[in-house]
Amino acid sequence: MKLVTIDIGGTYIKFGSYDCHTNKLAYLDTSLTPQNNQQELLSQLVNIVNRFSDVSGCAISIPGTIDVERGYVVQGGALQYNNNTYFADKLSEKIGIPVIIENDARCAAYAELWQGKLKGIKNALVLVVGTGLGCAIIQNGKIYRGTHLYAGEFSLIFTKSINQFGFDAVLGNQVGIPKFVSKMSSIYGEEIDGPRVFQLIEDGERQLSNCFDEYVNNFATQLFNFQIMLDPEKILIGGGISQNELYMNKLSQAVEKFYQKIPIAITHSPIEACQFKSEANLIGAVRNYMLTKT
């Protein structure tokens, strides 16, 4: 069986084919995510699927709160135009094959539980840093969804006053990469992309380095809070940014420095990048497809 697997992000769409007999992911490509409406997104997904032949299903990782059994997007996260829609059925009608959808962070968790760093691990967190912050909670070896499917929506955690900061008070808007890059561009005085931001930081650009220190220290504080709340064996970081060594090293250092300031010795595991990095959502979407269809 061969599947089309698609990772819909708030900024980019990644896609490829997956051979379920050989467990091989192939033909990876990307495109920009439509920002205007769901119809544009569906049309783009149809074009993507049509690039593949001999596929029997479509596995999708998508932002938001997802009811997997109904293929329903309760709320669309970074893509609010998907709110309250039977997304899987809409796409399936257009492409003529079954479509199974799941939240992006939970897809990353499925990949790590299936073939990666969480094999044999009972309790863990998988955080996907992208347009916002996705999270999957693993308890007793299974993904915990909560009563209303909102468990792990850490992007919506308020860390500041909503009256003073509005929706910028939520964690997803503080650690999401596009807003971070936009802030860095404003400080630098010209528009720069993500790779250029990190190159400038590595080169020692003072203002950007100071701002990045504030970023990782804020994130480290919340990672400590997650550890205390849920006491996981592992915390994994996913998303494309997890491939950036400078980002991961600075974040890891900030976390360990935070623990050193605590007067109580707290057992914890160092944060790590997902084994499959930016491919985790694609592989996990396949695993979710297999589990849902059996």
Protein backbone atom coordinates (compact mmCIF):
# COMPACT_ATOMS: atom_id res chain seq x y z
CA MET A 1 0.00 0.00 0.00
CA LYS A 2 1.25 3.46 -0.92
CA LEU A 3 -0.05 6.66 0.65
CA VAL A 4 0.25 10.34 -0.06
CA THR A 5 1.35 11.97 3.18
CA ILE A 6 0.94 15.73 3.67
CA ASP A 7 2.02 18.03 6.47
CA ILE A 8 -0.03 21.23 6.36
CA GLY A 9 1.67 23.97 8.34
CA GLY A 10 0.62 27.55 8.93
CA THR A 11 3.29 28.73 6.47
CA TYR A 12 4.38 25.74 4.36
CA ILE A 13 2.97 22.44 3.13
CA LYS A 14 5.36 19.47 2.97
CA PHE A 15 4.37 16.31 1.14
CA GLY A 16 5.64 12.99 -0.14
CA SER A 17 4.71 9.37 -0.75
CA TYR A 18 5.04 6.55 1.77
CA ASP A 19 5.37 2.86 0.91
CA CYS A 20 3.79 0.97 3.81
CA HIS A 21 5.47 -2.31 2.81
CA THR A 22 9.03 -0.96 2.85
CA ASN A 23 8.38 1.87 5.35
CA LYS A 24 10.08 4.33 3.02
CA LEU A 25 9.23 8.02 2.69
CA ALA A 26 10.01 9.39 -0.77
CA TYR A 27 9.58 12.31 -3.18
CA LEU A 28 9.55 15.15 -0.70
CA ASP A 29 8.56 18.63 -1.81
CA THR A 30 7.11 21.82 -0.35
CA SER A 31 4.72 24.62 -1.27
CA LEU A 32 3.34 27.71 0.43
CA THR A 33 0.18 27.29 2.49
CA PRO A 34 -2.76 29.35 1.16
CA GLN A 35 -3.73 32.02 3.68
CA ASN A 36 -7.06 33.27 2.32
CA ASN A 37 -9.62 30.48 2.55
CA GLN A 38 -10.19 26.74 2.77
CA GLN A 39 -11.21 26.39 -0.87
CA GLU A 40 -7.74 27.53 -1.98
CA LEU A 41 -6.17 25.02 0.40
CA LEU A 42 -8.34 22.15 -0.86
CA SER A 43 -7.53 23.03 -4.48
CA GLN A 44 -3.83 23.01 -3.69
CA LEU A 45 -4.13 19.63 -1.94
CA VAL A 46 -5.92 18.18 -4.96
CA ASN A 47 -3.04 19.33 -7.17
CA ILE A 48 -0.55 17.75 -4.77
CA VAL A 49 -2.33 14.40 -4.67
CA ASN A 50 -2.62 14.36 -8.46
CA ARG A 51 1.18 14.39 -8.69
CA PHE A 52 1.22 10.83 -7.32
CA SER A 53 0.08 7.61 -8.96
CA ASP A 54 -0.98 4.28 -7.47
CA VAL A 55 -1.84 5.72 -4.05
CA SER A 56 -4.69 4.23 -2.05
CA GLY A 57 -5.08 6.85 0.66
CA CYS A 58 -4.09 10.28 1.93
CA ALA A 59 -2.60 10.83 5.40
CA ILE A 60 -2.63 14.42 6.65
CA SER A 61 -1.04 16.32 9.52
CA ILE A 62 -2.86 19.62 10.12
CA PRO A 63 -2.91 22.37 12.77
CA GLY A 64 -5.72 22.71 15.26
CA THR A 65 -8.06 20.65 17.38
CA ILE A 66 -8.93 17.52 15.43
CA ASP A 67 -11.61 14.87 15.88
CA VAL A 68 -9.86 12.02 14.08
CA GLU A 69 -12.81 9.62 13.99
CA ARG A 70 -15.05 12.15 12.23
CA GLY A 71 -12.29 13.80 10.18
CA TYR A 72 -13.49 17.05 11.71
CA VAL A 73 -11.53 20.24 12.46
CA VAL A 74 -12.99 21.71 15.64
CA GLN A 75 -10.74 24.77 15.40
CA GLY A 76 -8.01 25.30 12.87
CA GLY A 77 -5.16 26.69 14.94
CA ALA A 78 -2.88 28.64 12.60
CA LEU A 79 -5.46 28.16 9.81
CA GLN A 80 -8.68 29.51 11.28
CA TYR A 81 -10.57 29.16 7.99
CA ASN A 82 -10.71 25.42 8.70
CA ASN A 83 -12.86 25.89 11.83
CA ASN A 84 -15.88 23.62 12.26
CA THR A 85 -15.50 21.63 9.03
CA TYR A 86 -15.51 17.97 8.00
CA PHE A 87 -12.16 18.51 6.33
CA ALA A 88 -11.34 14.87 5.57
CA ASP A 89 -14.67 14.24 3.80
CA LYS A 90 -14.37 17.45 1.77
CA LEU A 91 -10.95 16.48 0.45
CA SER A 92 -11.85 12.81 -0.02
CA GLU A 93 -14.78 13.77 -2.26
CA LYS A 94 -12.40 15.71 -4.49
CA ILE A 95 -9.59 13.13 -4.79
CA GLY A 96 -11.56 9.86 -4.65
CA ILE A 97 -9.49 8.12 -1.96
CA PRO A 98 -9.81 7.93 1.85
CA VAL A 99 -8.38 10.84 3.85
CA ILE A 100 -7.39 10.61 7.51
CA ILE A 101 -6.38 13.74 9.42
CA GLU A 102 -4.70 14.36 12.78
CA ASN A 103 -3.22 17.27 14.70
CA ASP A 104 0.35 18.07 13.66
CA ALA A 105 2.01 17.63 17.05
CA ARG A 106 0.22 14.34 17.64
CA CYS A 107 1.47 13.16 14.25
CA ALA A 108 5.03 13.97 15.32
CA ALA A 109 4.41 11.99 18.51
CA TYR A 110 3.10 9.00 16.55
CA ALA A 111 6.28 8.98 14.45
CA GLU A 112 8.50 8.97 17.54
CA LEU A 113 6.41 6.33 19.34
CA TRP A 114 6.41 4.12 16.25
CA GLN A 115 9.97 4.34 14.95
CA GLY A 116 11.83 7.00 16.90
CA LYS A 117 13.07 8.22 20.26
CA LEU A 118 9.87 7.39 22.16
CA LYS A 119 9.84 3.64 21.47
CA GLY A 120 9.26 2.03 24.86
CA ILE A 121 8.72 5.39 26.59
CA LYS A 122 5.56 5.66 28.70
CA ASN A 123 5.30 9.39 29.44
CA ALA A 124 6.56 12.16 27.18
CA LEU A 125 5.90 15.48 25.51
CA VAL A 126 6.42 16.30 21.85
CA LEU A 127 6.52 20.01 21.07
CA VAL A 128 6.34 21.15 17.45
CA VAL A 129 7.69 24.66 16.98
CA GLY A 130 6.40 26.26 13.81
CA THR A 131 3.94 29.06 13.15
CA GLY A 132 2.84 28.46 16.74
CA LEU A 133 3.52 25.75 19.31
CA GLY A 134 1.91 22.35 18.94
CA CYS A 135 2.13 19.74 21.68
CA ALA A 136 1.27 16.09 22.12
CA ILE A 137 1.01 14.55 25.57
CA ILE A 138 1.92 10.86 25.86
CA GLN A 139 0.69 9.08 28.97
CA ASN A 140 1.17 5.34 29.53
CA GLY A 141 2.43 4.98 25.97
CA LYS A 142 -0.66 6.53 24.37
CA ILE A 143 -1.54 10.00 23.16
CA TYR A 144 -3.79 11.79 25.63
CA ARG A 145 -6.45 13.96 23.96
CA GLY A 146 -8.52 15.13 26.93
CA THR A 147 -12.28 15.34 27.36
CA HIS A 148 -12.79 17.97 24.65
CA LEU A 149 -9.72 17.15 22.48
CA TYR A 150 -7.84 20.24 23.70
CA ALA A 151 -5.14 18.46 25.72
CA GLY A 152 -1.77 19.71 24.50
CA GLU A 153 -2.94 23.01 23.02
CA PHE A 154 0.03 24.68 24.68
CA SER A 155 0.05 27.37 22.00
CA LEU A 156 -2.94 28.86 23.83
CA ILE A 157 -1.30 29.02 27.26
CA PHE A 158 -1.34 32.61 28.53
CA THR A 159 1.96 33.70 30.05
CA LYS A 160 1.15 37.44 30.24
CA SER A 161 -1.86 39.68 30.86
CA ILE A 162 -4.46 39.44 28.10
CA ASN A 163 -5.63 42.95 29.02
CA GLN A 164 -2.18 44.39 28.39
CA PHE A 165 -0.86 42.23 25.55
CA GLY A 166 -3.98 40.83 23.87
CA PHE A 167 -3.38 37.59 22.00
CA ASP A 168 0.37 38.21 21.99
CA ALA A 169 0.14 36.99 25.59
CA VAL A 170 -0.23 33.37 24.41
CA LEU A 171 2.84 31.15 24.24
CA GLY A 172 2.39 30.22 20.57
CA ASN A 173 2.79 33.85 19.55
CA GLN A 174 5.91 34.17 21.69
CA VAL A 175 7.83 31.10 20.49
CA GLY A 176 6.41 30.66 16.96
CA ILE A 177 9.13 31.14 14.36
CA PRO A 178 7.47 33.59 11.89
CA LYS A 179 6.74 36.09 14.68
CA PHE A 180 10.23 35.60 16.08
CA VAL A 181 11.80 36.28 12.67
CA SER A 182 9.53 39.30 12.16
CA LYS A 183 10.60 40.73 15.51
CA MET A 184 14.26 40.15 14.64
CA SER A 185 13.78 41.93 11.29
CA SER A 186 12.27 44.91 13.09
CA ILE A 187 15.23 45.09 15.48
CA TYR A 188 17.77 44.71 12.66
CA GLY A 189 16.11 47.41 10.57
CA GLU A 190 15.50 45.37 7.44
CA GLU A 191 13.61 42.25 6.44
CA ILE A 192 15.68 39.11 6.98
CA ASP A 193 14.70 35.46 6.74
CA GLY A 194 15.17 32.71 9.34
CA PRO A 195 18.53 31.37 8.12
CA ARG A 196 19.93 34.91 7.97
CA VAL A 197 18.68 35.62 11.50
CA PHE A 198 20.56 32.64 12.92
CA GLN A 199 23.66 33.39 10.88
CA LEU A 200 23.74 36.91 12.31
CA ILE A 201 23.27 35.55 15.83
CA GLU A 202 26.08 33.07 15.26
CA ASP A 203 28.25 35.93 13.99
CA GLY A 204 27.63 37.75 17.27
CA GLU A 205 25.22 40.52 16.23
CA ARG A 206 24.59 41.99 19.67
CA GLN A 207 20.97 43.16 19.49
CA LEU A 208 19.75 40.00 17.80
CA SER A 209 21.74 37.82 20.21
CA ASN A 210 20.19 39.61 23.19
CA CYS A 211 16.70 39.17 21.76
CA PHE A 212 17.36 35.48 21.11
CA ASP A 213 18.52 35.08 24.70
CA GLU A 214 15.20 36.55 25.87
CA TYR A 215 13.38 34.13 23.55
CA VAL A 216 15.11 30.97 24.80
CA ASN A 217 14.88 32.05 28.45
CA ASN A 218 11.14 32.58 28.14
CA PHE A 219 10.72 29.23 26.39
CA ALA A 220 12.93 27.51 28.98
CA THR A 221 10.70 28.79 31.77
CA GLN A 222 7.66 27.22 30.14
CA LEU A 223 9.51 23.96 29.46
CA PHE A 224 10.22 23.80 33.19
CA ASN A 225 6.51 24.37 33.88
CA PHE A 226 5.60 21.53 31.51
CA GLN A 227 8.06 19.24 33.28
CA ILE A 228 6.53 20.05 36.66
CA MET A 229 2.95 19.68 35.44
CA LEU A 230 3.35 16.37 33.63
CA ASP A 231 6.69 14.87 34.77
CA PRO A 232 7.56 13.30 31.38
CA GLU A 233 10.48 10.96 30.78
CA LYS A 234 11.36 12.85 27.60
CA ILE A 235 10.60 16.20 25.99
CA LEU A 236 11.20 16.25 22.23
CA ILE A 237 11.26 19.30 19.97
CA GLY A 238 10.00 18.94 16.40
CA GLY A 239 9.37 21.17 13.42
CA GLY A 240 11.88 22.48 10.90
CA ILE A 241 13.62 24.62 13.52
CA SER A 242 14.67 21.46 15.39
CA GLN A 243 17.26 20.93 12.62
CA ASN A 244 19.00 24.16 13.60
CA GLU A 245 21.89 23.28 15.92
CA LEU A 246 22.27 26.81 17.27
CA TYR A 247 18.60 26.96 18.21
CA MET A 248 18.60 23.56 19.91
CA ASN A 249 21.90 24.16 21.73
CA LYS A 250 20.89 27.58 23.06
CA LEU A 251 17.47 26.33 24.15
CA SER A 252 19.00 23.31 25.89
CA GLN A 253 21.51 25.53 27.68
CA ALA A 254 18.77 27.91 28.82
CA VAL A 255 16.75 25.01 30.21
CA GLU A 256 19.69 23.62 32.19
CA LYS A 257 20.59 27.08 33.52
CA PHE A 258 17.00 27.50 34.71
CA TYR A 259 17.15 24.22 36.64
CA GLN A 260 20.40 25.34 38.27
CA LYS A 261 18.56 28.34 39.72
CA ILE A 262 15.93 26.16 41.40
CA PRO A 263 16.75 25.46 45.07
CA ILE A 264 15.22 21.99 44.79
CA ALA A 265 16.90 19.23 42.79
CA ILE A 266 14.38 18.15 40.15
CA THR A 267 15.02 15.05 38.07
CA HIS A 268 14.45 15.77 34.40
CA SER A 269 15.59 14.68 30.97
CA PRO A 270 17.44 17.10 28.68
CA ILE A 271 15.35 18.29 25.75
CA GLU A 272 16.13 16.62 22.43
CA ALA A 273 15.22 17.09 18.79
CA CYS A 274 12.76 14.61 17.32
CA GLN A 275 14.56 11.79 15.53
CA PHE A 276 12.69 12.54 12.32
CA LYS A 277 12.98 16.32 12.67
CA SER A 278 10.97 18.03 9.90
CA GLU A 279 9.75 14.66 8.54
CA ALA A 280 8.13 13.61 11.85
CA ASN A 281 4.68 14.94 10.93
CA LEU A 282 4.72 13.16 7.57
CA ILE A 283 5.67 9.81 9.08
CA GLY A 284 3.28 10.23 12.01
CA ALA A 285 0.39 11.04 9.68
CA VAL A 286 1.01 7.68 8.03
CA ARG A 287 1.02 5.91 11.39
CA ASN A 288 -2.24 7.60 12.34
CA TYR A 289 -3.73 6.51 9.00
CA MET A 290 -2.73 2.89 9.67
CA LEU A 291 -4.12 2.91 13.22
CA THR A 292 -7.38 4.59 12.21
CA LYS A 293 -8.07 2.36 9.20
CA THR A 294 -7.43 -0.95 11.03
